[in-house]
Amino acid sequence: SRHSPIVGMSWGWHAEQALATLKSIMRYLTSSDTMTTVSSTSTPYTTVFPSIIDPGLDVFLGVICTVSCVIGSLGNTLALVYFCLTVSRRDLPSIIYIMMSITDLITSISLFPAIQGFWAFQRSGTLFKVPWLCYTWGLLWCVLPYFSVFLVLVLSVVRTRCLMSPFQKINQSLTYGVIFGYLIYLVLRIVIPLGLKKTIVHYLKSQGMC
């Protein structure tokens, strides 16, 4: 089908957004990794609870991540090839579609360390224990989901503008400036705190990811 790459990209994007939402829920439910402090007016004490890992939940999350990785990688690769090879005119919406495909493809591939962590015994997180990989993964997941959603927003604005004023040319330089300006902002908002040692990235077994 002529539109199958777009459909594949759409499925991949929705799968990645579902995973990002699931990640946020897990962070909310697991406010600490292994320790909870309880204060008492008479005798202050600290109670240590072991990290509870449900094998059934790990299987469920492993399946979700695996399916998202496979569908997202294949769908976005197909979409990227389609827009790069078959689009003869490099118009603005097509360029944005290419950006979306690249962003979502990287997001899908970056799920592999999380998949390994959920399928490993007791969430050993072998790949996430490599410091540079954990830092890179944390940086990507602080940038890519937001950037992907922003690209969808920009594409919606561009297409709406084309429908409302079909004979008025869109300022492509301004559009690209807004896109890359937002990308730089997303990168700096995580890189600067890391450089100033105000933010750390490490593997949390309770979440199965960095």
C-alpha atoms as a PDB file:
ATOM      1  CA  SER A   1       0.000   0.000   0.000  1.00  0.00           C
ATOM      2  CA  ARG A   2       1.254   3.518  -0.755  1.00  0.00           C
ATOM      3  CA  HIS A   3       0.543   4.809   2.765  1.00  0.00           C
ATOM      4  CA  SER A   4       1.844   1.797   4.700  1.00  0.00           C
ATOM      5  CA  PRO A   5       5.045   3.605   5.877  1.00  0.00           C
ATOM      6  CA  ILE A   6       2.970   6.357   7.474  1.00  0.00           C
ATOM      7  CA  VAL A   7       0.782   3.779   9.206  1.00  0.00           C
ATOM      8  CA  GLY A   8       3.860   1.956  10.487  1.00  0.00           C
ATOM      9  CA  MET A   9       5.343   5.178  11.810  1.00  0.00           C
ATOM     10  CA  SER A  10       2.059   6.031  13.534  1.00  0.00           C
ATOM     11  CA  TRP A  11       1.919   2.648  15.283  1.00  0.00           C
ATOM     12  CA  GLY A  12       5.553   3.015  16.378  1.00  0.00           C
ATOM     13  CA  TRP A  13       4.953   6.517  17.709  1.00  0.00           C
ATOM     14  CA  HIS A  14       1.886   5.489  19.726  1.00  0.00           C
ATOM     15  CA  ALA A  15       3.769   2.504  21.178  1.00  0.00           C
ATOM     16  CA  GLU A  16       6.623   4.756  22.294  1.00  0.00           C
ATOM     17  CA  GLN A  17       4.246   7.268  23.879  1.00  0.00           C
ATOM     18  CA  ALA A  18       2.520   4.431  25.751  1.00  0.00           C
ATOM     19  CA  LEU A  19       5.891   3.289  27.091  1.00  0.00           C
ATOM     20  CA  ALA A  20       6.785   6.828  28.159  1.00  0.00           C
ATOM     21  CA  THR A  21       3.474   7.079  30.035  1.00  0.00           C
ATOM     22  CA  LEU A  22       4.100   3.706  31.667  1.00  0.00           C
ATOM     23  CA  LYS A  23       7.539   4.889  32.733  1.00  0.00           C
ATOM     24  CA  SER A  24       6.046   7.994  34.373  1.00  0.00           C
ATOM     25  CA  ILE A  25       3.515   5.866  36.265  1.00  0.00           C
ATOM     26  CA  MET A  26       6.272   3.563  37.528  1.00  0.00           C
ATOM     27  CA  ARG A  27       8.320   6.536  38.735  1.00  0.00           C
ATOM     28  CA  TYR A  28       5.302   7.855  40.613  1.00  0.00           C
ATOM     29  CA  LEU A  29       4.574   4.505  42.257  1.00  0.00           C
ATOM     30  CA  THR A  30       8.217   3.912  43.235  1.00  0.00           C
ATOM     31  CA  SER A  31       9.275   7.101  44.950  1.00  0.00           C
ATOM     32  CA  SER A  32      12.313   5.400  46.539  1.00  0.00           C
ATOM     33  CA  ASP A  33      14.384   2.409  45.576  1.00  0.00           C
ATOM     34  CA  THR A  34      14.848   0.380  48.778  1.00  0.00           C
ATOM     35  CA  MET A  35      14.381   2.529  51.879  1.00  0.00           C
ATOM     36  CA  THR A  36      11.542   4.359  53.596  1.00  0.00           C
ATOM     37  CA  THR A  37      12.128   6.557  56.644  1.00  0.00           C
ATOM     38  CA  VAL A  38       9.416   6.761  59.329  1.00  0.00           C
ATOM     39  CA  SER A  39       9.544   9.450  62.030  1.00  0.00           C
ATOM     40  CA  SER A  40       8.171   9.001  65.558  1.00  0.00           C
ATOM     41  CA  THR A  41       7.806  11.575  68.363  1.00  0.00           C
ATOM     42  CA  SER A  42       9.223   9.146  70.902  1.00  0.00           C
ATOM     43  CA  THR A  43      11.784   7.062  69.024  1.00  0.00           C
ATOM     44  CA  PRO A  44      12.908   7.999  65.498  1.00  0.00           C
ATOM     45  CA  TYR A  45      13.701   4.914  63.481  1.00  0.00           C
ATOM     46  CA  THR A  46      14.283   3.801  59.936  1.00  0.00           C
ATOM     47  CA  THR A  47      12.562   0.825  58.354  1.00  0.00           C
ATOM     48  CA  VAL A  48      14.234  -0.837  55.386  1.00  0.00           C
ATOM     49  CA  PHE A  49      11.968  -2.613  52.947  1.00  0.00           C
ATOM     50  CA  PRO A  50      13.434  -4.967  50.357  1.00  0.00           C
ATOM     51  CA  SER A  51      12.953  -3.972  46.718  1.00  0.00           C
ATOM     52  CA  ILE A  52       9.873  -5.866  45.527  1.00  0.00           C
ATOM     53  CA  ILE A  53      10.206  -7.194  41.983  1.00  0.00           C
ATOM     54  CA  ASP A  54       7.220  -8.995  40.539  1.00  0.00           C
ATOM     55  CA  PRO A  55       8.301 -11.534  37.872  1.00  0.00           C
ATOM     56  CA  GLY A  56       4.860 -11.328  36.260  1.00  0.00           C
ATOM     57  CA  LEU A  57       5.164  -7.552  35.928  1.00  0.00           C
ATOM     58  CA  ASP A  58       8.641  -7.939  34.438  1.00  0.00           C
ATOM     59  CA  VAL A  59       7.295 -10.339  31.814  1.00  0.00           C
ATOM     60  CA  PHE A  60       4.487  -7.901  30.967  1.00  0.00           C
ATOM     61  CA  LEU A  61       6.857  -4.925  30.701  1.00  0.00           C
ATOM     62  CA  GLY A  62       9.356  -7.017  28.752  1.00  0.00           C
ATOM     63  CA  VAL A  63       6.698  -7.977  26.215  1.00  0.00           C
ATOM     64  CA  ILE A  64       5.490  -4.364  25.891  1.00  0.00           C
ATOM     65  CA  CYS A  65       9.031  -3.061  25.368  1.00  0.00           C
ATOM     66  CA  THR A  66       9.923  -5.847  22.915  1.00  0.00           C
ATOM     67  CA  VAL A  67       6.805  -5.307  20.799  1.00  0.00           C
ATOM     68  CA  SER A  68       7.325  -1.523  20.859  1.00  0.00           C
ATOM     69  CA  CYS A  69      10.973  -1.925  19.847  1.00  0.00           C
ATOM     70  CA  VAL A  70      10.248  -4.297  16.950  1.00  0.00           C
ATOM     71  CA  ILE A  71       7.193  -2.470  15.572  1.00  0.00           C
ATOM     72  CA  GLY A  72       8.705   0.971  16.121  1.00  0.00           C
ATOM     73  CA  SER A  73      12.040   0.057  14.500  1.00  0.00           C
ATOM     74  CA  LEU A  74      10.499  -1.625  11.461  1.00  0.00           C
ATOM     75  CA  GLY A  75       7.729   0.956  10.999  1.00  0.00           C
ATOM     76  CA  ASN A  76       9.963   3.991  11.310  1.00  0.00           C
ATOM     77  CA  THR A  77      12.690   2.466   9.126  1.00  0.00           C
ATOM     78  CA  LEU A  78      10.095   1.842   6.430  1.00  0.00           C
ATOM     79  CA  ALA A  79       8.762   5.389   6.802  1.00  0.00           C
ATOM     80  CA  LEU A  80      12.263   6.883   6.667  1.00  0.00           C
ATOM     81  CA  VAL A  81      13.131   4.968   3.493  1.00  0.00           C
ATOM     82  CA  TYR A  82       9.808   5.933   1.934  1.00  0.00           C
ATOM     83  CA  PHE A  83      10.179   9.662   2.538  1.00  0.00           C
ATOM     84  CA  CYS A  84      13.874   9.725   1.591  1.00  0.00           C
ATOM     85  CA  LEU A  85      13.553   7.786  -1.667  1.00  0.00           C
ATOM     86  CA  THR A  86      10.073   8.373  -3.026  1.00  0.00           C
ATOM     87  CA  VAL A  87       9.436  12.018  -2.154  1.00  0.00           C
ATOM     88  CA  SER A  88      10.729  13.924  -5.156  1.00  0.00           C
ATOM     89  CA  ARG A  89      10.041  17.411  -3.793  1.00  0.00           C
ATOM     90  CA  ARG A  90      11.692  18.290  -0.476  1.00  0.00           C
ATOM     91  CA  ASP A  91       8.772  20.281   0.910  1.00  0.00           C
ATOM     92  CA  LEU A  92       8.543  21.256   4.562  1.00  0.00           C
ATOM     93  CA  PRO A  93       6.007  18.580   5.698  1.00  0.00           C
ATOM     94  CA  SER A  94       8.157  15.840   4.131  1.00  0.00           C
ATOM     95  CA  ILE A  95      11.264  17.083   5.948  1.00  0.00           C
ATOM     96  CA  ILE A  96       9.341  17.097   9.223  1.00  0.00           C
ATOM     97  CA  TYR A  97       8.157  13.530   8.529  1.00  0.00           C
ATOM     98  CA  ILE A  98      11.797  12.513   8.023  1.00  0.00           C
ATOM     99  CA  MET A  99      12.744  14.155  11.341  1.00  0.00           C
ATOM    100  CA  MET A 100       9.892  12.319  13.073  1.00  0.00           C
ATOM    101  CA  SER A 101      10.981   8.993  11.573  1.00  0.00           C
ATOM    102  CA  ILE A 102      14.592   9.458  12.706  1.00  0.00           C
ATOM    103  CA  THR A 103      13.547  10.551  16.202  1.00  0.00           C
ATOM    104  CA  ASP A 104      11.124   7.660  16.706  1.00  0.00           C
ATOM    105  CA  LEU A 105      13.574   5.154  15.195  1.00  0.00           C
ATOM    106  CA  ILE A 106      16.273   6.135  17.709  1.00  0.00           C
ATOM    107  CA  THR A 107      13.686   5.960  20.496  1.00  0.00           C
ATOM    108  CA  SER A 108      12.631   2.462  19.434  1.00  0.00           C
ATOM    109  CA  ILE A 109      16.219   1.181  19.217  1.00  0.00           C
ATOM    110  CA  SER A 110      17.060   2.684  22.618  1.00  0.00           C
ATOM    111  CA  LEU A 111      14.464   0.379  24.198  1.00  0.00           C
ATOM    112  CA  PHE A 112      16.874  -2.563  23.937  1.00  0.00           C
ATOM    113  CA  PRO A 113      18.689  -1.944  27.275  1.00  0.00           C
ATOM    114  CA  ALA A 114      15.305  -1.701  29.039  1.00  0.00           C
ATOM    115  CA  ILE A 115      14.224  -4.964  27.383  1.00  0.00           C
ATOM    116  CA  GLN A 116      17.379  -6.670  28.639  1.00  0.00           C
ATOM    117  CA  GLY A 117      16.752  -5.340  32.141  1.00  0.00           C
ATOM    118  CA  PHE A 118      13.149  -6.570  32.334  1.00  0.00           C
ATOM    119  CA  TRP A 119      13.948 -10.021  30.937  1.00  0.00           C
ATOM    120  CA  ALA A 120      17.056 -10.487  33.134  1.00  0.00           C
ATOM    121  CA  PHE A 121      16.823 -12.251  36.490  1.00  0.00           C
ATOM    122  CA  GLN A 122      15.961  -9.775  39.276  1.00  0.00           C
ATOM    123  CA  ARG A 123      16.382  -6.894  36.828  1.00  0.00           C
ATOM    124  CA  SER A 124      20.155  -7.206  36.809  1.00  0.00           C
ATOM    125  CA  GLY A 125      20.337  -4.425  34.197  1.00  0.00           C
ATOM    126  CA  THR A 126      23.690  -5.524  32.771  1.00  0.00           C
ATOM    127  CA  LEU A 127      23.718  -2.928  29.995  1.00  0.00           C
ATOM    128  CA  PHE A 128      22.538  -0.114  32.249  1.00  0.00           C
ATOM    129  CA  LYS A 129      25.447  -0.784  34.613  1.00  0.00           C
ATOM    130  CA  VAL A 130      27.796   0.579  31.955  1.00  0.00           C
ATOM    131  CA  PRO A 131      28.114   4.244  33.100  1.00  0.00           C
ATOM    132  CA  TRP A 132      28.330   5.922  29.675  1.00  0.00           C
ATOM    133  CA  LEU A 133      25.431   3.851  28.352  1.00  0.00           C
ATOM    134  CA  CYS A 134      23.227   4.767  31.318  1.00  0.00           C
ATOM    135  CA  TYR A 135      24.060   8.455  30.903  1.00  0.00           C
ATOM    136  CA  THR A 136      23.415   8.338  27.152  1.00  0.00           C
ATOM    137  CA  TRP A 137      20.123   6.497  27.631  1.00  0.00           C
ATOM    138  CA  GLY A 138      18.990   8.966  30.275  1.00  0.00           C
ATOM    139  CA  LEU A 139      19.856  11.900  28.003  1.00  0.00           C
ATOM    140  CA  LEU A 140      17.999  10.388  25.046  1.00  0.00           C
ATOM    141  CA  TRP A 141      14.852   9.720  27.061  1.00  0.00           C
ATOM    142  CA  CYS A 142      14.889  13.255  28.447  1.00  0.00           C
ATOM    143  CA  VAL A 143      14.970  14.637  24.897  1.00  0.00           C
ATOM    144  CA  LEU A 144      13.448  12.302  22.294  1.00  0.00           C
ATOM    145  CA  PRO A 145       9.864  11.856  23.619  1.00  0.00           C
ATOM    146  CA  TYR A 146       9.398  15.612  24.024  1.00  0.00           C
ATOM    147  CA  PHE A 147      10.991  16.361  20.662  1.00  0.00           C
ATOM    148  CA  SER A 148       8.801  13.773  18.916  1.00  0.00           C
ATOM    149  CA  VAL A 149       5.625  15.304  20.319  1.00  0.00           C
ATOM    150  CA  PHE A 150       6.853  18.792  19.404  1.00  0.00           C
ATOM    151  CA  LEU A 151       7.432  17.698  15.799  1.00  0.00           C
ATOM    152  CA  VAL A 152       3.842  16.440  15.629  1.00  0.00           C
ATOM    153  CA  LEU A 153       2.705  19.843  16.896  1.00  0.00           C
ATOM    154  CA  VAL A 154       4.792  21.694  14.305  1.00  0.00           C
ATOM    155  CA  LEU A 155       3.527  19.432  11.524  1.00  0.00           C
ATOM    156  CA  SER A 156      -0.081  20.070  12.588  1.00  0.00           C
ATOM    157  CA  VAL A 157       0.487  23.845  12.567  1.00  0.00           C
ATOM    158  CA  VAL A 158       2.179  23.723   9.148  1.00  0.00           C
ATOM    159  CA  ARG A 159      -0.557  21.631   7.555  1.00  0.00           C
ATOM    160  CA  THR A 160      -3.288  23.791   9.089  1.00  0.00           C
ATOM    161  CA  ARG A 161      -1.557  26.881   7.725  1.00  0.00           C
ATOM    162  CA  CYS A 162      -1.386  25.268   4.271  1.00  0.00           C
ATOM    163  CA  LEU A 163      -5.099  24.507   4.349  1.00  0.00           C
ATOM    164  CA  MET A 164      -6.086  27.977   5.524  1.00  0.00           C
ATOM    165  CA  SER A 165      -3.710  29.892   3.222  1.00  0.00           C
ATOM    166  CA  PRO A 166      -2.764  27.558   0.355  1.00  0.00           C
ATOM    167  CA  PHE A 167      -1.189  30.330  -1.749  1.00  0.00           C
ATOM    168  CA  GLN A 168       0.873  31.878   1.052  1.00  0.00           C
ATOM    169  CA  LYS A 169       4.436  30.594   1.354  1.00  0.00           C
ATOM    170  CA  ILE A 170       5.545  29.319   4.746  1.00  0.00           C
ATOM    171  CA  ASN A 171       8.758  30.730   6.171  1.00  0.00           C
ATOM    172  CA  GLN A 172      10.837  27.535   6.258  1.00  0.00           C
ATOM    173  CA  SER A 173      13.860  29.200   7.869  1.00  0.00           C
ATOM    174  CA  LEU A 174      11.712  30.333  10.796  1.00  0.00           C
ATOM    175  CA  THR A 175      10.151  26.879  11.124  1.00  0.00           C
ATOM    176  CA  TYR A 176      13.542  25.130  11.165  1.00  0.00           C
ATOM    177  CA  GLY A 177      14.802  27.707  13.645  1.00  0.00           C
ATOM    178  CA  VAL A 178      11.932  26.942  16.021  1.00  0.00           C
ATOM    179  CA  ILE A 179      12.468  23.179  15.675  1.00  0.00           C
ATOM    180  CA  PHE A 180      16.210  23.183  16.278  1.00  0.00           C
ATOM    181  CA  GLY A 181      15.909  25.880  18.930  1.00  0.00           C
ATOM    182  CA  TYR A 182      13.579  23.636  20.918  1.00  0.00           C
ATOM    183  CA  LEU A 183      15.931  20.672  20.411  1.00  0.00           C
ATOM    184  CA  ILE A 184      18.870  22.698  21.754  1.00  0.00           C
ATOM    185  CA  TYR A 185      16.756  23.743  24.743  1.00  0.00           C
ATOM    186  CA  LEU A 186      15.890  20.110  25.516  1.00  0.00           C
ATOM    187  CA  VAL A 187      19.548  19.083  25.358  1.00  0.00           C
ATOM    188  CA  LEU A 188      20.825  21.991  27.463  1.00  0.00           C
ATOM    189  CA  ARG A 189      18.194  21.557  30.191  1.00  0.00           C
ATOM    190  CA  ILE A 190      19.652  18.108  30.992  1.00  0.00           C
ATOM    191  CA  VAL A 191      23.311  18.617  30.011  1.00  0.00           C
ATOM    192  CA  ILE A 192      23.833  21.750  32.137  1.00  0.00           C
ATOM    193  CA  PRO A 193      22.576  20.161  35.419  1.00  0.00           C
ATOM    194  CA  LEU A 194      24.730  17.093  34.672  1.00  0.00           C
ATOM    195  CA  GLY A 195      27.765  19.281  34.085  1.00  0.00           C
ATOM    196  CA  LEU A 196      27.142  21.196  37.314  1.00  0.00           C
ATOM    197  CA  LYS A 197      26.711  17.905  39.223  1.00  0.00           C
ATOM    198  CA  LYS A 198      23.160  18.918  40.199  1.00  0.00           C
ATOM    199  CA  THR A 199      21.666  15.904  38.456  1.00  0.00           C
ATOM    200  CA  ILE A 200      22.871  12.313  38.430  1.00  0.00           C
ATOM    201  CA  VAL A 201      21.890   9.421  36.200  1.00  0.00           C
ATOM    202  CA  HIS A 202      22.011   5.913  37.615  1.00  0.00           C
ATOM    203  CA  TYR A 203      20.257   2.593  37.278  1.00  0.00           C
ATOM    204  CA  LEU A 204      17.240   1.980  39.554  1.00  0.00           C
ATOM    205  CA  LYS A 205      16.326  -1.653  39.892  1.00  0.00           C
ATOM    206  CA  SER A 206      12.831  -0.733  41.120  1.00  0.00           C
ATOM    207  CA  GLN A 207      12.134   0.921  37.752  1.00  0.00           C
ATOM    208  CA  GLY A 208      14.214  -1.345  35.555  1.00  0.00           C
ATOM    209  CA  MET A 209      15.825   1.638  33.800  1.00  0.00           C
ATOM    210  CA  CYS A 210      18.017   4.690  34.365  1.00  0.00           C
END
